[in-house]
Amino acid sequence: MLLLAPILIIGFYVAMYSLRTEKTGACKWRQVNKDAEGVEWACPVCGASTRTVAGEPKHCGGQMSQL
């Protein structure tokens, strides 16, 4: 049991490191508008804006295609 705790902690940090991306690291998406066509999002960090059908954008800096 004592050996399990350090392995879990190291596994947690490895998982967090592998799941991070530079594409979404700096963006803080905020919902601006919602209508029948989708949801409009804006990022105050990089200035990007986009529209999605459902859910928060996955890419930063206007790299996502407009829907």
C-alpha atoms as a PDB file:
ATOM      1  CA  MET A   1       0.000   0.000   0.000  1.00  0.00           C
ATOM      2  CA  LEU A   2       2.852   2.360   0.808  1.00  0.00           C
ATOM      3  CA  LEU A   3       4.382   1.763  -2.618  1.00  0.00           C
ATOM      4  CA  LEU A   4       1.077   2.412  -4.390  1.00  0.00           C
ATOM      5  CA  ALA A   5       0.802   6.107  -3.400  1.00  0.00           C
ATOM      6  CA  PRO A   6       4.011   7.305  -5.151  1.00  0.00           C
ATOM      7  CA  ILE A   7       3.128   5.293  -8.257  1.00  0.00           C
ATOM      8  CA  LEU A   8      -0.326   6.919  -8.382  1.00  0.00           C
ATOM      9  CA  ILE A   9       1.133  10.393  -7.906  1.00  0.00           C
ATOM     10  CA  ILE A  10       3.715   9.884 -10.656  1.00  0.00           C
ATOM     11  CA  GLY A  11       1.026   8.421 -12.929  1.00  0.00           C
ATOM     12  CA  PHE A  12      -1.186  11.454 -12.302  1.00  0.00           C
ATOM     13  CA  TYR A  13       1.566  13.894 -13.288  1.00  0.00           C
ATOM     14  CA  VAL A  14       2.476  11.879 -16.384  1.00  0.00           C
ATOM     15  CA  ALA A  15      -1.187  11.838 -17.456  1.00  0.00           C
ATOM     16  CA  MET A  16      -1.586  15.595 -16.897  1.00  0.00           C
ATOM     17  CA  TYR A  17       1.589  16.280 -18.895  1.00  0.00           C
ATOM     18  CA  SER A  18       0.511  14.088 -21.792  1.00  0.00           C
ATOM     19  CA  LEU A  19      -2.998  15.597 -21.948  1.00  0.00           C
ATOM     20  CA  ARG A  20      -1.833  19.212 -22.093  1.00  0.00           C
ATOM     21  CA  THR A  21      -1.593  20.865 -25.485  1.00  0.00           C
ATOM     22  CA  GLU A  22      -0.220  24.139 -26.718  1.00  0.00           C
ATOM     23  CA  LYS A  23      -3.370  24.589 -28.808  1.00  0.00           C
ATOM     24  CA  THR A  24      -5.621  25.121 -25.807  1.00  0.00           C
ATOM     25  CA  GLY A  25      -3.141  26.028 -23.081  1.00  0.00           C
ATOM     26  CA  ALA A  26      -3.530  29.805 -23.184  1.00  0.00           C
ATOM     27  CA  CYS A  27      -7.146  30.199 -24.324  1.00  0.00           C
ATOM     28  CA  LYS A  28      -9.920  30.947 -21.885  1.00  0.00           C
ATOM     29  CA  TRP A  29     -13.064  30.582 -24.001  1.00  0.00           C
ATOM     30  CA  ARG A  30     -16.117  32.602 -22.933  1.00  0.00           C
ATOM     31  CA  GLN A  31     -19.595  32.113 -24.350  1.00  0.00           C
ATOM     32  CA  VAL A  32     -20.690  35.323 -26.072  1.00  0.00           C
ATOM     33  CA  ASN A  33     -23.955  34.423 -27.754  1.00  0.00           C
ATOM     34  CA  LYS A  34     -26.200  31.408 -28.257  1.00  0.00           C
ATOM     35  CA  ASP A  35     -28.844  31.040 -30.957  1.00  0.00           C
ATOM     36  CA  ALA A  36     -30.401  28.391 -33.210  1.00  0.00           C
ATOM     37  CA  GLU A  37     -27.272  28.250 -35.416  1.00  0.00           C
ATOM     38  CA  GLY A  38     -24.869  27.460 -32.571  1.00  0.00           C
ATOM     39  CA  VAL A  39     -22.821  29.028 -29.816  1.00  0.00           C
ATOM     40  CA  GLU A  40     -20.456  31.948 -30.370  1.00  0.00           C
ATOM     41  CA  TRP A  41     -17.233  31.936 -28.322  1.00  0.00           C
ATOM     42  CA  ALA A  42     -14.535  34.551 -27.728  1.00  0.00           C
ATOM     43  CA  CYS A  43     -11.117  34.311 -26.107  1.00  0.00           C
ATOM     44  CA  PRO A  44      -9.980  37.416 -24.209  1.00  0.00           C
ATOM     45  CA  VAL A  45      -6.390  36.077 -24.094  1.00  0.00           C
ATOM     46  CA  CYS A  46      -5.631  35.748 -27.820  1.00  0.00           C
ATOM     47  CA  GLY A  47      -8.598  37.652 -29.284  1.00  0.00           C
ATOM     48  CA  ALA A  48      -9.918  34.702 -31.299  1.00  0.00           C
ATOM     49  CA  SER A  49     -13.613  34.169 -31.868  1.00  0.00           C
ATOM     50  CA  THR A  50     -15.445  31.197 -33.318  1.00  0.00           C
ATOM     51  CA  ARG A  51     -18.829  29.531 -33.529  1.00  0.00           C
ATOM     52  CA  THR A  52     -19.545  25.901 -32.658  1.00  0.00           C
ATOM     53  CA  VAL A  53     -22.623  23.728 -32.924  1.00  0.00           C
ATOM     54  CA  ALA A  54     -22.109  22.219 -29.474  1.00  0.00           C
ATOM     55  CA  GLY A  55     -19.461  22.455 -26.797  1.00  0.00           C
ATOM     56  CA  GLU A  56     -16.448  24.628 -26.173  1.00  0.00           C
ATOM     57  CA  PRO A  57     -13.862  25.085 -28.972  1.00  0.00           C
ATOM     58  CA  LYS A  58     -10.883  22.742 -28.880  1.00  0.00           C
ATOM     59  CA  HIS A  59      -8.305  24.938 -30.629  1.00  0.00           C
ATOM     60  CA  CYS A  60      -6.789  28.312 -29.846  1.00  0.00           C
ATOM     61  CA  GLY A  61      -6.063  31.374 -31.934  1.00  0.00           C
ATOM     62  CA  GLY A  62      -8.665  30.988 -34.656  1.00  0.00           C
ATOM     63  CA  GLN A  63      -7.182  27.689 -35.857  1.00  0.00           C
ATOM     64  CA  MET A  64     -10.607  26.061 -35.710  1.00  0.00           C
ATOM     65  CA  SER A  65     -12.702  26.143 -38.859  1.00  0.00           C
ATOM     66  CA  GLN A  66     -15.825  28.278 -38.710  1.00  0.00           C
ATOM     67  CA  LEU A  67     -19.087  26.302 -38.658  1.00  0.00           C
END
